[in-house]
Amino acid sequence: MTVTKITNLEFGKMVQAASACLEQNAEFINSLNVFPVPDGDTGTNMSMSLASGAKYEREEISTRVDDLAAAVAKGLLMGARGNSGVILSQIFRGFSKGMEGKAELTAQDFVEAYANGAKTAYKAVMKPTEGTILTVVRESAAAGNKKITETDDLIEVIETIFHAADEALKTTPDLLPVLKEVGVVDSGGQGLVFVLQAFYEVLSGKTIEVESYQPDNAQMDEMINAEHHRSAQGQLNPDDIKYGYCTEIMVRLGRGKQVDQEFDYDKFYEKLAGLGDSLLVVNDEEVVKVHVHTEHPGEVLAWGQEFGDLQKVKVDNMRWQQEEIMQSDEQESPVPAAEQPNGETTKTIDTAIISISSGDGIATLFKSLGVTHVINGGQTMNPSTQDIVDAINASGAKSAIVLPNNGNIFMAAEQSVDVVDIPVKIVHSKTIAQGMASLLEFNPDATLEDNQTAMEEALSTVKSGEVTVSIRDTTVDGVEIKKDNYIGIVDGKITVTHPEIKQTAIDMVKSMLDEDSEIVTIIMGTEGNQADAQEIENALYEVDDELEIEIHEGGQPVYPYLISVE
């Protein structure tokens, strides 16, 4: 079998298969996270990013391959989550640019476009690191350039690129010492190998059997929350809300008196898609969770009951909520009004400060420090470029500052700057504590550039600690870690581990303290509690009774305690 051209039909199948392959293997890619923490999300980020690209490809009506590739690139750009998702979007961006003017692709066209994707990805990263997805894409592109001198058979060429990527992936531990220490290959590179594998198997006529990725209950809840908070609704007119009821249900599949059909994801999703928007359907073998904005919540509930009994139901009137939010905003923070073409007025602000965090308590803390908009997301669910763009646009501000509060959100935030129409600056806060410290330097009378500089300088004034549980046995930076033990991470480095959570927190903070330390802030997550936090506080007073210690409810997942020292 020989294939010398890729038409729109083959290209569409390749993209959809690659998206499905990433979805199927998301958890495996997540497991390659260097740190043994329960928030490894490279696989989830890459899967959701390419799913956005695949959606754009399905909706593109053109039959030209270059138009389809442009649609994939656009979808990936807007849906990119995490650094891995952004780099993947840049690979496809360069890939798309490299095939402009091509209604179909020859082997030569594919190789040149893929090589351009590798170059574009390298240019997008300020300090390219070998031993990552960048190494995998570069080495596989070089193999494709060599193979094209021998054959014009696309199957042989893409097989060569796929196998070269797999071989390059195996070398990543030799190029990046931390990967060798932990005993894993680069997770982003593994994701790219799955994409190329799907490309090869589609063209060679192999059958790809892909099971749907099944997140656990915590991940399903986080995905539901991320979808609901996807856009900043605080600036919307209630009358502009097309679908007024935020409806969430959880269905126990196969149970209940009204069950009359077996669960089929596509059929279940298609019916709900016709009832509203902002739809998210996630499931495992036992339950399906739904989030949808609709005008007919009763129909959503009835549809769910055809597949199982309703274990959870939540319906919120978003128009009423919006009226309450707008009334509260007007009472708490009046701002100048701008006249619209129709003669009406809406509130405007000079500079929106947009912070990304997870947990209602943390959101409240940020707002108390001057943040105008909070995007729900962070460790377990990185927001997409589109989420950040939506928040900026919805702010109605003349300019904006974005606090990612997570290094894995930097690239998506930077990418949003090029999409919006107002000036935006990114303050590169890697932690919640850094984001909060930076806000103390914001001056509403200063320029956007001066504020960014001052806020960036404040990042180094605070030490950030995170306490979580290890999900596997490993050794990182010389620290031997046992599964289910707690670990303390200080500014991105694991410093302590202990079977007890309180002792882990105490030992971690002790390692953070120095003679200049004055303030310790303890933020409790969903798995933390006031009693333990109080014991941690008492132990720290024994170390230094002049410390000023504050305890706050954060509500963040994954990390029972976030602790900062200033």
Protein backbone atom coordinates (compact mmCIF):
# COMPACT_ATOMS: atom_id res chain seq x y z
CA MET A 1 0.00 0.00 0.00
CA THR A 2 1.33 3.39 -1.04
CA VAL A 3 -0.10 6.84 -0.24
CA THR A 4 1.24 9.84 -2.13
CA LYS A 5 -1.33 12.49 -1.18
CA ILE A 6 -3.23 13.56 1.89
CA THR A 7 -6.66 14.95 1.01
CA ASN A 8 -9.12 16.64 3.33
CA LEU A 9 -10.60 13.25 4.17
CA GLU A 10 -7.33 11.74 5.36
CA PHE A 11 -6.28 14.91 7.15
CA GLY A 12 -9.54 15.12 9.07
CA LYS A 13 -9.24 11.48 10.14
CA MET A 14 -5.64 12.06 11.25
CA VAL A 15 -6.54 15.03 13.44
CA GLN A 16 -9.57 13.35 15.00
CA ALA A 17 -7.60 10.14 15.67
CA ALA A 18 -4.76 12.12 17.26
CA SER A 19 -7.22 13.92 19.52
CA ALA A 20 -8.82 10.63 20.54
CA CYS A 21 -5.42 9.03 21.15
CA LEU A 22 -4.39 11.85 23.48
CA GLU A 23 -7.72 11.58 25.28
CA GLN A 24 -7.26 7.85 25.74
CA ASN A 25 -3.72 8.24 27.06
CA ALA A 26 -4.12 11.42 29.11
CA GLU A 27 -3.78 9.65 32.45
CA PHE A 28 -0.66 7.80 31.34
CA ILE A 29 0.94 11.07 30.23
CA ASN A 30 -0.08 12.68 33.52
CA SER A 31 1.68 9.87 35.38
CA LEU A 32 5.00 10.95 33.86
CA ASN A 33 4.95 14.13 35.93
CA VAL A 34 8.36 14.53 37.60
CA PHE A 35 6.95 15.56 40.96
CA PRO A 36 4.89 12.79 42.64
CA VAL A 37 1.98 15.16 43.27
CA PRO A 38 -1.66 14.49 42.36
CA ASP A 39 -1.85 17.42 39.94
CA GLY A 40 0.24 16.16 37.04
CA ASP A 41 -1.74 17.57 34.16
CA THR A 42 0.35 17.47 30.97
CA GLY A 43 -1.83 14.77 29.45
CA THR A 44 -5.03 16.53 30.40
CA ASN A 45 -3.75 19.82 29.04
CA MET A 46 -2.56 18.37 25.73
CA SER A 47 -5.74 16.34 25.32
CA MET A 48 -8.07 19.28 25.96
CA SER A 49 -5.95 21.56 23.77
CA LEU A 50 -6.03 19.24 20.76
CA ALA A 51 -9.71 18.52 21.39
CA SER A 52 -10.31 22.21 20.74
CA GLY A 53 -8.31 22.00 17.52
CA ALA A 54 -10.22 18.92 16.44
CA LYS A 55 -13.53 20.68 17.10
CA TYR A 56 -12.51 23.61 14.86
CA GLU A 57 -11.46 21.14 12.17
CA ARG A 58 -14.84 19.37 12.28
CA GLU A 59 -16.65 22.68 11.92
CA GLU A 60 -14.54 23.92 8.98
CA ILE A 61 -16.53 23.59 5.75
CA SER A 62 -13.59 23.94 3.34
CA THR A 63 -12.26 20.85 1.61
CA ARG A 64 -8.74 22.27 1.29
CA VAL A 65 -6.13 20.75 3.59
CA ASP A 66 -4.50 24.11 4.27
CA ASP A 67 -7.83 25.53 5.45
CA LEU A 68 -8.40 22.53 7.69
CA ALA A 69 -4.91 22.89 9.14
CA ALA A 70 -5.54 26.58 9.78
CA ALA A 71 -8.73 25.66 11.62
CA VAL A 72 -6.84 23.15 13.79
CA ALA A 73 -4.18 25.77 14.55
CA LYS A 74 -6.83 28.35 15.48
CA GLY A 75 -8.65 25.89 17.72
CA LEU A 76 -5.42 24.89 19.42
CA LEU A 77 -4.44 28.52 19.89
CA MET A 78 -7.66 29.37 21.69
CA GLY A 79 -7.96 26.08 23.56
CA ALA A 80 -4.30 25.77 24.60
CA ARG A 81 -3.88 24.86 28.27
CA GLY A 82 -0.60 24.70 30.14
CA ASN A 83 2.83 25.06 28.62
CA SER A 84 2.56 21.66 26.92
CA GLY A 85 -0.70 22.65 25.24
CA VAL A 86 0.73 25.97 24.09
CA ILE A 87 3.84 24.31 22.62
CA LEU A 88 1.62 21.78 20.83
CA SER A 89 -0.40 24.70 19.47
CA GLN A 90 2.79 26.30 18.18
CA ILE A 91 3.82 23.08 16.44
CA PHE A 92 0.47 23.01 14.64
CA ARG A 93 0.68 26.75 13.96
CA GLY A 94 3.99 26.31 12.15
CA PHE A 95 2.65 23.16 10.49
CA SER A 96 -0.32 25.15 9.18
CA LYS A 97 1.83 28.04 7.96
CA GLY A 98 4.10 25.59 6.19
CA MET A 99 1.29 24.20 4.04
CA GLU A 100 -0.40 27.45 2.99
CA GLY A 101 -1.61 27.28 -0.58
CA LYS A 102 -1.85 23.48 -0.55
CA ALA A 103 -5.23 21.95 -1.27
CA GLU A 104 -3.66 18.50 -0.79
CA LEU A 105 -0.36 17.38 0.72
CA THR A 106 2.42 15.37 -0.82
CA ALA A 107 5.09 13.73 1.30
CA GLN A 108 7.41 16.67 0.56
CA ASP A 109 4.69 19.12 1.63
CA PHE A 110 4.11 17.25 4.87
CA VAL A 111 7.79 17.09 5.77
CA GLU A 112 8.34 20.79 5.06
CA ALA A 113 5.27 21.78 7.04
CA TYR A 114 6.22 19.58 9.99
CA ALA A 115 9.76 20.98 10.01
CA ASN A 116 8.27 24.47 10.08
CA GLY A 117 6.22 23.39 13.06
CA ALA A 118 9.40 22.40 14.89
CA LYS A 119 11.02 25.76 14.14
CA THR A 120 7.94 27.68 15.25
CA ALA A 121 7.79 25.78 18.55
CA TYR A 122 11.43 26.55 19.30
CA LYS A 123 10.92 30.24 18.58
CA ALA A 124 7.91 30.35 20.91
CA VAL A 125 9.96 29.26 23.94
CA MET A 126 12.17 31.95 25.42
CA LYS A 127 14.72 29.48 26.78
CA PRO A 128 14.35 26.17 24.91
CA THR A 129 15.28 23.16 27.03
CA GLU A 130 16.56 19.94 25.50
CA GLY A 131 15.08 16.72 26.81
CA THR A 132 11.55 18.01 26.26
CA ILE A 133 8.90 17.95 23.54
CA LEU A 134 11.15 20.37 21.63
CA THR A 135 13.84 17.71 21.28
CA VAL A 136 11.27 15.18 20.12
CA VAL A 137 9.81 17.45 17.43
CA ARG A 138 13.21 18.60 16.20
CA GLU A 139 14.72 15.11 15.92
CA SER A 140 11.64 13.66 14.24
CA ALA A 141 11.52 16.57 11.76
CA ALA A 142 15.17 15.93 10.86
CA ALA A 143 14.38 12.25 10.27
CA GLY A 144 11.53 13.25 7.96
CA ASN A 145 13.81 15.54 5.94
CA LYS A 146 16.23 12.66 5.47
CA LYS A 147 13.57 10.10 4.55
CA ILE A 148 11.98 12.32 1.90
CA THR A 149 15.14 11.99 -0.20
CA GLU A 150 14.45 8.25 -0.45
CA THR A 151 10.69 8.00 -1.05
CA ASP A 152 7.53 9.94 -1.76
CA ASP A 153 5.34 7.42 0.10
CA LEU A 154 3.62 9.28 2.92
CA ILE A 155 3.16 6.09 4.94
CA GLU A 156 6.90 5.44 4.99
CA VAL A 157 7.72 9.08 5.68
CA ILE A 158 5.31 9.49 8.59
CA GLU A 159 6.27 6.09 9.99
CA THR A 160 9.88 7.30 10.00
CA ILE A 161 8.90 10.55 11.73
CA PHE A 162 6.86 8.63 14.31
CA HIS A 163 9.63 6.15 15.12
CA ALA A 164 12.25 8.92 15.23
CA ALA A 165 10.07 10.79 17.70
CA ASP A 166 9.78 7.65 19.82
CA GLU A 167 13.55 7.18 19.77
CA ALA A 168 14.12 10.83 20.64
CA LEU A 169 11.67 10.45 23.52
CA LYS A 170 13.77 7.61 24.95
CA THR A 171 16.81 9.93 25.05
CA THR A 172 15.08 12.69 27.04
CA PRO A 173 16.22 11.30 30.44
CA ASP A 174 19.84 11.54 29.24
CA LEU A 175 19.35 15.20 28.29
CA LEU A 176 17.38 16.28 31.35
CA PRO A 177 18.89 14.95 34.60
CA VAL A 178 15.69 15.30 36.62
CA LEU A 179 13.94 12.88 34.26
CA LYS A 180 16.70 10.30 34.77
CA GLU A 181 16.60 10.74 38.53
CA VAL A 182 12.87 10.06 38.63
CA GLY A 183 12.97 7.42 35.91
CA VAL A 184 10.49 8.86 33.41
CA VAL A 185 10.55 10.24 29.89
CA ASP A 186 9.33 13.75 29.07
CA SER A 187 5.55 13.89 29.33
CA GLY A 188 5.06 16.49 26.59
CA GLY A 189 7.28 14.52 24.24
CA GLN A 190 5.22 11.41 24.98
CA GLY A 191 2.10 13.32 24.01
CA LEU A 192 3.60 14.28 20.65
CA VAL A 193 4.58 10.66 20.02
CA PHE A 194 0.94 9.65 20.50
CA VAL A 195 -0.13 12.30 17.97
CA LEU A 196 2.33 11.03 15.37
CA GLN A 197 1.38 7.43 16.09
CA ALA A 198 -2.25 8.26 15.31
CA PHE A 199 -1.21 10.02 12.08
CA TYR A 200 0.72 6.95 10.98
CA GLU A 201 -1.97 4.44 11.89
CA VAL A 202 -4.66 6.37 10.02
CA LEU A 203 -2.61 6.61 6.83
CA SER A 204 -1.47 2.99 6.98
CA GLY A 205 -5.05 1.79 7.38
CA LYS A 206 -4.61 0.38 10.86
CA THR A 207 -7.69 0.26 13.07
CA ILE A 208 -7.39 2.54 16.07
CA GLU A 209 -9.53 1.37 18.95
CA VAL A 210 -9.82 4.29 21.33
CA GLU A 211 -11.69 4.15 24.61
CA SER A 212 -12.87 7.43 26.08
CA TYR A 213 -10.63 8.94 28.76
CA GLN A 214 -12.41 8.46 32.08
CA PRO A 215 -11.55 11.06 34.73
CA ASP A 216 -12.16 10.33 38.39
CA ASN A 217 -14.81 12.12 40.45
CA ALA A 218 -12.49 14.90 41.60
CA GLN A 219 -11.35 15.60 38.04
CA MET A 220 -14.95 15.55 36.79
CA ASP A 221 -15.93 18.10 39.42
CA GLU A 222 -12.96 20.30 38.53
CA MET A 223 -13.83 20.13 34.82
CA ILE A 224 -17.44 21.07 35.58
CA ASN A 225 -16.31 24.03 37.68
CA ALA A 226 -13.86 25.14 35.02
CA GLU A 227 -16.58 25.10 32.38
CA HIS A 228 -18.98 27.12 34.51
CA HIS A 229 -16.35 29.73 35.35
CA ARG A 230 -15.00 29.74 31.82
CA SER A 231 -16.07 33.32 31.16
CA ALA A 232 -16.04 36.33 33.45
CA GLN A 233 -19.75 36.98 33.84
CA GLY A 234 -19.53 39.95 36.19
CA GLN A 235 -19.81 42.44 33.32
CA LEU A 236 -22.71 40.82 31.45
CA ASN A 237 -26.16 42.36 31.20
CA PRO A 238 -28.66 39.76 32.51
CA ASP A 239 -30.85 40.38 29.44
CA ASP A 240 -27.95 39.28 27.23
CA ILE A 241 -27.81 35.80 28.77
CA LYS A 242 -29.32 33.54 26.12
CA TYR A 243 -29.62 30.45 28.30
CA GLY A 244 -30.55 31.45 31.82
CA TYR A 245 -30.31 28.29 33.92
CA CYS A 246 -26.97 26.78 34.89
CA THR A 247 -27.94 23.13 35.22
CA GLU A 248 -25.78 20.38 36.70
CA ILE A 249 -26.77 16.77 37.16
CA MET A 250 -25.01 13.58 38.16
CA VAL A 251 -26.60 10.36 36.94
CA ARG A 252 -25.93 6.88 38.31
CA LEU A 253 -25.93 4.93 35.08
CA GLY A 254 -28.24 1.96 34.71
CA ARG A 255 -30.13 2.57 37.96
CA GLY A 256 -33.64 3.89 38.54
CA LYS A 257 -37.20 3.12 37.52
CA GLN A 258 -37.21 5.34 34.42
CA VAL A 259 -34.16 3.84 32.70
CA ASP A 260 -35.08 2.73 29.21
CA GLN A 261 -31.77 2.75 27.31
CA GLU A 262 -28.09 1.99 27.74
CA PHE A 263 -25.70 4.91 27.98
CA ASP A 264 -24.14 6.01 24.71
CA TYR A 265 -21.94 9.08 25.07
CA ASP A 266 -22.48 10.49 21.57
CA LYS A 267 -26.26 10.09 21.73
CA PHE A 268 -26.42 11.50 25.25
CA TYR A 269 -24.25 14.49 24.32
CA GLU A 270 -26.07 15.27 21.05
CA LYS A 271 -29.44 15.63 22.77
CA LEU A 272 -28.01 17.99 25.41
CA ALA A 273 -26.16 20.05 22.80
CA GLY A 274 -29.53 20.98 21.35
CA LEU A 275 -30.77 22.26 24.70
CA GLY A 276 -28.19 24.98 25.38
CA ASP A 277 -24.52 25.91 25.47
CA SER A 278 -21.47 25.74 27.77
CA LEU A 279 -22.03 21.99 27.68
CA LEU A 280 -19.65 19.61 29.38
CA VAL A 281 -20.34 15.89 29.74
CA VAL A 282 -17.83 13.71 31.58
CA ASN A 283 -18.28 10.13 32.69
CA ASP A 284 -16.79 6.95 33.99
CA GLU A 285 -18.33 3.48 34.04
CA GLU A 286 -20.71 4.28 36.88
CA VAL A 287 -21.75 7.94 36.62
CA VAL A 288 -22.08 10.75 34.13
CA LYS A 289 -21.82 14.41 35.16
CA VAL A 290 -23.35 17.20 33.12
CA HIS A 291 -22.98 20.96 33.09
CA VAL A 292 -25.10 22.96 30.64
CA HIS A 293 -26.59 26.43 30.35
CA THR A 294 -30.17 25.99 29.14
CA GLU A 295 -33.67 27.45 29.14
CA HIS A 296 -35.17 24.02 29.85
CA PRO A 297 -33.58 22.43 32.94
CA GLY A 298 -36.50 20.04 33.26
CA GLU A 299 -35.66 18.49 29.89
CA VAL A 300 -32.06 18.00 30.99
CA LEU A 301 -33.20 16.18 34.13
CA ALA A 302 -35.68 14.06 32.19
CA TRP A 303 -33.04 13.09 29.63
CA GLY A 304 -30.66 12.04 32.39
CA GLN A 305 -33.31 9.84 33.96
CA GLU A 306 -33.59 7.82 30.78
CA PHE A 307 -30.08 6.50 31.53
CA GLY A 308 -30.08 6.32 35.34
CA ASP A 309 -31.26 7.87 38.57
CA LEU A 310 -30.38 11.43 39.56
CA GLN A 311 -27.79 11.42 42.30
CA LYS A 312 -27.23 15.18 42.23
CA VAL A 313 -29.23 18.08 40.78
CA LYS A 314 -28.28 21.76 40.85
CA VAL A 315 -30.10 24.51 38.93
CA ASP A 316 -29.14 28.19 39.26
CA ASN A 317 -30.93 31.14 37.68
CA MET A 318 -27.99 32.98 36.16
CA ARG A 319 -30.00 36.06 35.24
CA TRP A 320 -30.98 36.52 38.88
CA GLN A 321 -27.42 35.83 39.99
CA GLN A 322 -26.15 38.37 37.50
CA GLU A 323 -28.51 41.03 38.80
CA GLU A 324 -27.24 40.35 42.31
CA ILE A 325 -23.59 40.52 41.19
CA MET A 326 -24.09 43.78 39.35
CA GLN A 327 -25.96 45.34 42.28
CA SER A 328 -23.18 44.22 44.62
CA ASP A 329 -20.49 45.58 42.31
CA GLU A 330 -22.26 48.94 42.11
CA GLN A 331 -22.46 49.16 45.90
CA GLU A 332 -18.92 47.99 46.64
CA SER A 333 -16.79 49.51 43.90
CA PRO A 334 -18.43 52.23 41.85
CA VAL A 335 -16.50 53.08 38.69
CA PRO A 336 -16.92 55.67 35.95
CA ALA A 337 -19.61 55.04 33.36
CA ALA A 338 -19.07 55.04 29.62
CA GLU A 339 -21.77 56.05 27.16
CA GLN A 340 -22.73 53.45 24.59
CA PRO A 341 -24.03 54.05 21.05
CA ASN A 342 -27.59 53.37 22.19
CA GLY A 343 -27.34 56.05 24.87
CA GLU A 344 -27.11 53.56 27.76
CA THR A 345 -24.16 53.50 30.12
CA THR A 346 -22.05 50.62 31.38
CA LYS A 347 -19.33 50.55 34.01
CA THR A 348 -15.75 50.82 32.85
CA ILE A 349 -12.45 50.47 34.65
CA ASP A 350 -9.03 51.67 33.60
CA THR A 351 -7.04 48.54 34.47
CA ALA A 352 -8.53 45.12 35.12
CA ILE A 353 -6.48 42.87 37.38
CA ILE A 354 -7.21 39.26 36.47
CA SER A 355 -6.04 36.50 38.79
CA ILE A 356 -6.13 32.75 38.24
CA SER A 357 -6.77 30.57 41.27
CA SER A 358 -8.83 27.67 42.58
CA GLY A 359 -10.86 27.89 45.76
CA ASP A 360 -13.54 30.35 46.87
CA GLY A 361 -11.50 31.50 49.85
CA ILE A 362 -8.49 32.32 47.73
CA ALA A 363 -10.70 34.19 45.28
CA THR A 364 -12.04 36.27 48.17
CA LEU A 365 -8.51 37.02 49.37
CA PHE A 366 -7.48 38.16 45.89
CA LYS A 367 -10.51 40.42 45.56
CA SER A 368 -9.76 41.97 48.95
CA LEU A 369 -6.33 42.89 47.55
CA GLY A 370 -7.74 44.63 44.48
CA VAL A 371 -8.26 41.86 41.92
CA THR A 372 -11.23 42.70 39.70
CA HIS A 373 -11.73 39.31 38.03
CA VAL A 374 -10.85 35.76 39.11
CA ILE A 375 -10.59 32.89 36.64
CA ASN A 376 -11.25 29.54 38.26
CA GLY A 377 -8.30 27.27 37.58
CA GLY A 378 -4.77 26.48 38.59
CA GLN A 379 -2.99 23.29 39.53
CA THR A 380 -5.59 20.72 38.52
CA MET A 381 -7.23 22.61 35.69
CA ASN A 382 -5.17 25.14 33.79
CA PRO A 383 -7.36 27.69 32.01
CA SER A 384 -7.11 27.91 28.24
CA THR A 385 -5.99 30.90 26.23
CA GLN A 386 -9.67 31.40 25.36
CA ASP A 387 -10.61 31.52 29.06
CA ILE A 388 -8.09 34.29 29.67
CA VAL A 389 -9.12 36.17 26.52
CA ASP A 390 -12.78 35.96 27.56
CA ALA A 391 -12.01 37.39 30.99
CA ILE A 392 -10.02 40.26 29.50
CA ASN A 393 -12.72 41.08 26.96
CA ALA A 394 -15.52 40.80 29.51
CA SER A 395 -13.75 43.19 31.87
CA GLY A 396 -14.57 46.19 29.69
CA ALA A 397 -11.30 47.72 30.85
CA LYS A 398 -8.91 49.94 28.93
CA SER A 399 -5.97 47.70 29.91
CA ALA A 400 -5.35 44.57 31.96
CA ILE A 401 -2.83 42.81 34.17
CA VAL A 402 -2.91 39.02 34.43
CA LEU A 403 -1.58 37.06 37.42
CA PRO A 404 -1.17 33.38 36.37
CA ASN A 405 -0.04 32.25 39.86
CA ASN A 406 1.31 29.09 38.24
CA GLY A 407 4.31 28.68 35.96
CA ASN A 408 2.39 26.25 33.78
CA ILE A 409 -0.05 29.00 32.83
CA PHE A 410 2.56 31.53 31.67
CA MET A 411 2.52 30.60 27.99
CA ALA A 412 -1.27 30.53 27.69
CA ALA A 413 -1.38 33.94 29.37
CA GLU A 414 1.30 35.33 27.07
CA GLN A 415 -0.55 33.93 24.07
CA SER A 416 -3.70 35.80 25.08
CA VAL A 417 -1.86 39.13 24.84
CA ASP A 418 -1.64 38.77 21.06
CA VAL A 419 -5.34 38.00 20.68
CA VAL A 420 -7.05 40.84 22.58
CA ASP A 421 -7.42 44.45 21.48
CA ILE A 422 -6.36 46.22 24.69
CA PRO A 423 -2.86 46.47 26.21
CA VAL A 424 -2.19 43.55 28.56
CA LYS A 425 0.80 42.78 30.77
CA ILE A 426 1.60 39.49 32.48
CA VAL A 427 3.03 39.51 36.00
CA HIS A 428 4.83 36.17 36.15
CA SER A 429 3.65 34.96 39.55
CA LYS A 430 4.35 31.25 39.98
CA THR A 431 2.39 30.83 43.21
CA ILE A 432 -0.64 32.19 45.02
CA ALA A 433 1.67 33.85 47.54
CA GLN A 434 3.62 35.63 44.81
CA GLY A 435 0.42 36.86 43.22
CA MET A 436 -0.77 38.31 46.51
CA ALA A 437 2.60 39.93 47.21
CA SER A 438 2.61 41.57 43.79
CA LEU A 439 -0.79 43.17 44.35
CA LEU A 440 0.58 45.27 47.19
CA GLU A 441 2.70 47.10 44.60
CA PHE A 442 -0.13 47.97 42.22
CA ASN A 443 -0.61 51.72 41.82
CA PRO A 444 -3.77 52.80 39.96
CA ASP A 445 -2.08 56.09 39.02
CA ALA A 446 1.00 54.41 37.48
CA THR A 447 1.40 53.31 33.87
CA LEU A 448 0.74 49.71 32.86
CA GLU A 449 4.46 49.17 32.25
CA ASP A 450 5.50 50.67 35.60
CA ASN A 451 2.95 48.54 37.43
CA GLN A 452 4.20 45.40 35.73
CA THR A 453 7.79 46.22 36.70
CA ALA A 454 6.94 46.98 40.33
CA MET A 455 4.74 43.91 40.68
CA GLU A 456 7.36 41.64 39.10
CA GLU A 457 9.99 42.94 41.53
CA ALA A 458 7.74 42.06 44.46
CA LEU A 459 7.68 38.38 43.49
CA SER A 460 11.07 37.75 45.10
CA THR A 461 10.00 39.17 48.46
CA VAL A 462 7.98 36.10 49.44
CA LYS A 463 8.79 32.41 49.88
CA SER A 464 6.06 29.99 48.82
CA GLY A 465 5.43 26.59 50.37
CA GLU A 466 2.94 23.88 49.36
CA VAL A 467 1.99 20.74 51.26
CA THR A 468 0.49 17.78 49.41
CA VAL A 469 0.61 13.99 49.32
CA SER A 470 2.92 11.83 47.22
CA ILE A 471 1.27 9.57 44.68
CA ARG A 472 4.27 7.25 44.18
CA ASP A 473 7.65 6.17 45.51
CA THR A 474 10.44 8.20 43.96
CA THR A 475 13.56 10.26 44.59
CA VAL A 476 13.65 13.93 43.61
CA ASP A 477 16.63 16.23 44.21
CA GLY A 478 18.09 13.61 46.53
CA VAL A 479 14.95 13.43 48.69
CA GLU A 480 13.62 9.87 49.00
CA ILE A 481 9.83 9.96 48.93
CA LYS A 482 7.34 7.23 49.79
CA LYS A 483 3.87 6.88 48.30
CA ASP A 484 1.12 8.38 50.51
CA ASN A 485 3.62 10.36 52.58
CA TYR A 486 3.25 14.12 52.67
CA ILE A 487 5.73 16.38 50.92
CA GLY A 488 6.62 20.05 51.35
CA ILE A 489 7.51 22.01 48.22
CA VAL A 490 9.31 25.35 48.62
CA ASP A 491 9.46 27.57 45.54
CA GLY A 492 9.15 24.57 43.25
CA LYS A 493 11.60 22.27 45.08
CA ILE A 494 10.67 19.35 47.34
CA THR A 495 12.47 20.00 50.63
CA VAL A 496 10.79 17.74 53.19
CA THR A 497 8.68 14.59 53.44
CA HIS A 498 6.98 12.97 56.42
CA PRO A 499 4.09 10.55 57.13
CA GLU A 500 2.28 13.25 59.15
CA ILE A 501 0.80 16.30 57.46
CA LYS A 502 1.33 18.66 60.42
CA GLN A 503 4.98 17.74 60.83
CA THR A 504 5.53 18.11 57.10
CA ALA A 505 4.12 21.63 57.22
CA ILE A 506 6.13 22.56 60.31
CA ASP A 507 9.41 21.22 58.90
CA MET A 508 8.75 22.95 55.59
CA VAL A 509 8.14 26.35 57.18
CA LYS A 510 11.20 25.97 59.41
CA SER A 511 13.28 25.56 56.25
CA MET A 512 11.74 28.76 54.89
CA LEU A 513 12.40 30.95 57.92
CA ASP A 514 15.42 33.22 58.28
CA GLU A 515 16.36 36.20 60.46
CA ASP A 516 14.38 38.57 58.24
CA SER A 517 11.15 36.56 58.34
CA GLU A 518 8.23 38.46 59.81
CA ILE A 519 4.92 37.21 58.41
CA VAL A 520 3.68 33.65 57.88
CA THR A 521 0.38 33.12 56.05
CA ILE A 522 -1.34 29.73 56.18
CA ILE A 523 -4.07 29.08 53.60
CA MET A 524 -6.14 25.96 54.27
CA GLY A 525 -7.35 23.84 51.39
CA THR A 526 -10.30 21.45 51.24
CA GLU A 527 -8.23 18.75 52.95
CA GLY A 528 -6.84 21.03 55.64
CA ASN A 529 -8.56 21.92 58.91
CA GLN A 530 -8.52 24.65 61.54
CA ALA A 531 -7.27 22.43 64.36
CA ASP A 532 -4.18 21.27 62.46
CA ALA A 533 -3.54 24.79 61.22
CA GLN A 534 -3.65 26.02 64.83
CA GLU A 535 -1.12 23.37 65.90
CA ILE A 536 1.16 24.39 63.04
CA GLU A 537 0.84 28.00 64.18
CA ASN A 538 1.71 27.10 67.79
CA ALA A 539 4.76 25.11 66.70
CA LEU A 540 6.01 28.07 64.66
CA TYR A 541 5.58 30.43 67.60
CA GLU A 542 7.88 28.11 69.55
CA VAL A 543 10.50 28.67 66.87
CA ASP A 544 10.01 32.45 66.80
CA ASP A 545 7.47 34.09 69.07
CA GLU A 546 7.78 37.39 67.19
CA LEU A 547 6.32 36.00 63.99
CA GLU A 548 3.00 37.39 62.76
CA ILE A 549 0.93 34.38 61.67
CA GLU A 550 -2.35 34.53 59.76
CA ILE A 551 -4.67 31.61 58.96
CA HIS A 552 -7.19 31.82 56.09
CA GLU A 553 -9.73 29.47 54.49
CA GLY A 554 -8.65 28.98 50.89
CA GLY A 555 -10.77 26.09 49.65
CA GLN A 556 -8.13 24.98 47.14
CA PRO A 557 -7.98 21.34 46.02
CA VAL A 558 -4.90 19.08 46.04
CA TYR A 559 -2.87 21.21 48.46
CA PRO A 560 -4.16 21.04 52.08
CA TYR A 561 -1.89 23.95 53.03
CA LEU A 562 -0.33 26.79 51.08
CA ILE A 563 2.09 28.63 53.35
CA SER A 564 4.02 31.80 52.58
CA VAL A 565 6.83 33.51 54.48
CA GLU A 566 7.65 37.19 54.10
